[in-house]
Amino acid sequence: MPDSSTTAAAIIQQAKSIEELPIKNYACRSKLFLHPHPTAKVFLFFHGFTAGPYQFEPIGQKLFYAGYNVLVSLQPGHGIAGNWNRDNPPPLPTEREIYQDFALLKSFN
């Protein structure tokens, strides 16, 4: 099990790699509310299929002000800019392992 500083570094790296993607809407970017030190608890939120990290911002801020670290990362393949429609859907991963690895910080894109 990695220590908290290793985990925090991995999360920050994940967020930076996502920030480099051509995200369609700025509100869909990852939301990280991190104190400069480890906290007693960390809240990790996963947005739904048609949702985005912005929906967790109000509760994330409240938890952060209560003393916790809060992570709301954009899910793999979500929010990428493109000309998507019914005939040309966005390339969202459908393999369970991609999301599982993402949640376990094994994959950062």
Protein backbone atom coordinates (compact mmCIF):
# COMPACT_ATOMS: atom_id res chain seq x y z
CA MET A 1 0.00 0.00 0.00
CA PRO A 2 1.56 3.35 -1.02
CA ASP A 3 2.02 6.04 1.60
CA SER A 4 -0.01 9.27 1.54
CA SER A 5 2.72 11.37 -0.10
CA THR A 6 3.13 8.83 -2.92
CA THR A 7 -0.63 8.68 -3.40
CA ALA A 8 -0.94 12.48 -3.40
CA ALA A 9 1.84 12.75 -5.99
CA ALA A 10 0.08 10.19 -8.19
CA ILE A 11 -3.22 12.06 -7.93
CA ILE A 12 -1.61 15.39 -8.79
CA GLN A 13 0.15 13.77 -11.77
CA GLN A 14 -3.17 12.29 -12.89
CA ALA A 15 -4.85 15.69 -12.71
CA LYS A 16 -2.02 17.34 -14.67
CA SER A 17 -2.21 14.72 -17.43
CA ILE A 18 -5.97 15.24 -17.68
CA GLU A 19 -5.50 19.03 -17.81
CA GLU A 20 -3.43 18.56 -20.97
CA LEU A 21 -6.33 16.88 -22.79
CA PRO A 22 -8.53 18.97 -25.09
CA ILE A 23 -11.43 19.17 -22.61
CA LYS A 24 -14.64 20.48 -24.16
CA ASN A 25 -15.88 22.35 -21.08
CA TYR A 26 -13.64 23.90 -18.42
CA ALA A 27 -16.18 22.94 -15.73
CA CYS A 28 -15.48 19.28 -16.53
CA ARG A 29 -11.86 19.47 -15.43
CA SER A 30 -10.83 17.59 -12.30
CA LYS A 31 -11.49 19.26 -8.96
CA LEU A 32 -8.84 18.71 -6.32
CA PHE A 33 -9.24 20.27 -2.90
CA LEU A 34 -5.94 19.39 -1.22
CA HIS A 35 -4.42 20.59 2.02
CA PRO A 36 -0.61 20.80 2.11
CA HIS A 37 -0.55 17.91 4.59
CA PRO A 38 -2.21 14.48 4.92
CA THR A 39 -5.69 14.55 6.46
CA ALA A 40 -7.60 12.06 8.60
CA LYS A 41 -9.88 11.23 5.68
CA VAL A 42 -9.88 11.69 1.93
CA PHE A 43 -13.08 11.85 -0.07
CA LEU A 44 -12.89 10.46 -3.59
CA PHE A 45 -15.88 11.18 -5.83
CA PHE A 46 -16.66 9.58 -9.18
CA HIS A 47 -19.03 11.40 -11.49
CA GLY A 48 -21.63 9.49 -13.46
CA PHE A 49 -21.78 8.66 -17.15
CA THR A 50 -23.34 11.97 -18.26
CA ALA A 51 -22.11 14.07 -15.33
CA GLY A 52 -18.89 15.91 -14.53
CA PRO A 53 -16.62 16.89 -11.64
CA TYR A 54 -18.26 20.32 -11.35
CA GLN A 55 -21.34 18.71 -9.79
CA PHE A 56 -19.28 17.79 -6.71
CA GLU A 57 -17.71 21.22 -6.25
CA PRO A 58 -20.13 22.52 -3.56
CA ILE A 59 -19.85 19.44 -1.35
CA GLY A 60 -16.13 19.15 -2.10
CA GLN A 61 -15.52 22.68 -0.85
CA LYS A 62 -17.51 22.07 2.34
CA LEU A 63 -15.56 18.88 3.08
CA PHE A 64 -12.29 20.68 2.36
CA TYR A 65 -13.18 23.51 4.75
CA ALA A 66 -14.05 20.86 7.33
CA GLY A 67 -10.43 19.68 7.11
CA TYR A 68 -10.48 16.86 4.55
CA ASN A 69 -8.76 16.36 1.21
CA VAL A 70 -11.23 15.92 -1.64
CA LEU A 71 -10.60 14.47 -5.10
CA VAL A 72 -13.03 14.60 -7.99
CA SER A 73 -11.16 13.46 -11.07
CA LEU A 74 -12.52 13.42 -14.59
CA GLN A 75 -13.26 9.82 -15.57
CA PRO A 76 -11.24 8.18 -18.37
CA GLY A 77 -12.37 9.29 -21.82
CA HIS A 78 -14.98 11.75 -20.52
CA GLY A 79 -15.18 15.44 -21.46
CA ILE A 80 -12.82 15.25 -24.44
CA ALA A 81 -13.59 17.87 -27.07
CA GLY A 82 -14.93 16.68 -30.37
CA ASN A 83 -17.84 16.85 -32.74
CA TRP A 84 -19.88 14.16 -30.98
CA ASN A 85 -23.47 13.26 -31.85
CA ARG A 86 -25.73 10.23 -32.06
CA ASP A 87 -23.88 8.89 -35.11
CA ASN A 88 -20.43 9.78 -33.74
CA PRO A 89 -20.40 9.12 -29.97
CA PRO A 90 -17.38 10.05 -27.84
CA PRO A 91 -14.81 7.28 -27.37
CA LEU A 92 -15.69 6.31 -23.81
CA PRO A 93 -14.02 3.19 -22.47
CA THR A 94 -16.38 0.28 -21.95
CA GLU A 95 -13.95 -2.08 -20.24
CA ARG A 96 -14.47 -2.43 -16.48
CA GLU A 97 -10.73 -2.78 -15.92
CA ILE A 98 -10.02 0.73 -17.22
CA TYR A 99 -12.23 2.31 -14.55
CA GLN A 100 -11.01 -0.11 -11.89
CA ASP A 101 -7.37 0.71 -12.64
CA PHE A 102 -8.24 4.41 -12.67
CA ALA A 103 -9.83 4.16 -9.23
CA LEU A 104 -6.81 2.28 -7.89
CA LEU A 105 -4.45 4.92 -9.34
CA LYS A 106 -2.89 2.38 -11.69
CA SER A 107 -3.79 4.37 -14.78
CA PHE A 108 -3.69 8.12 -15.16
CA ASN A 109 -5.27 8.67 -18.60
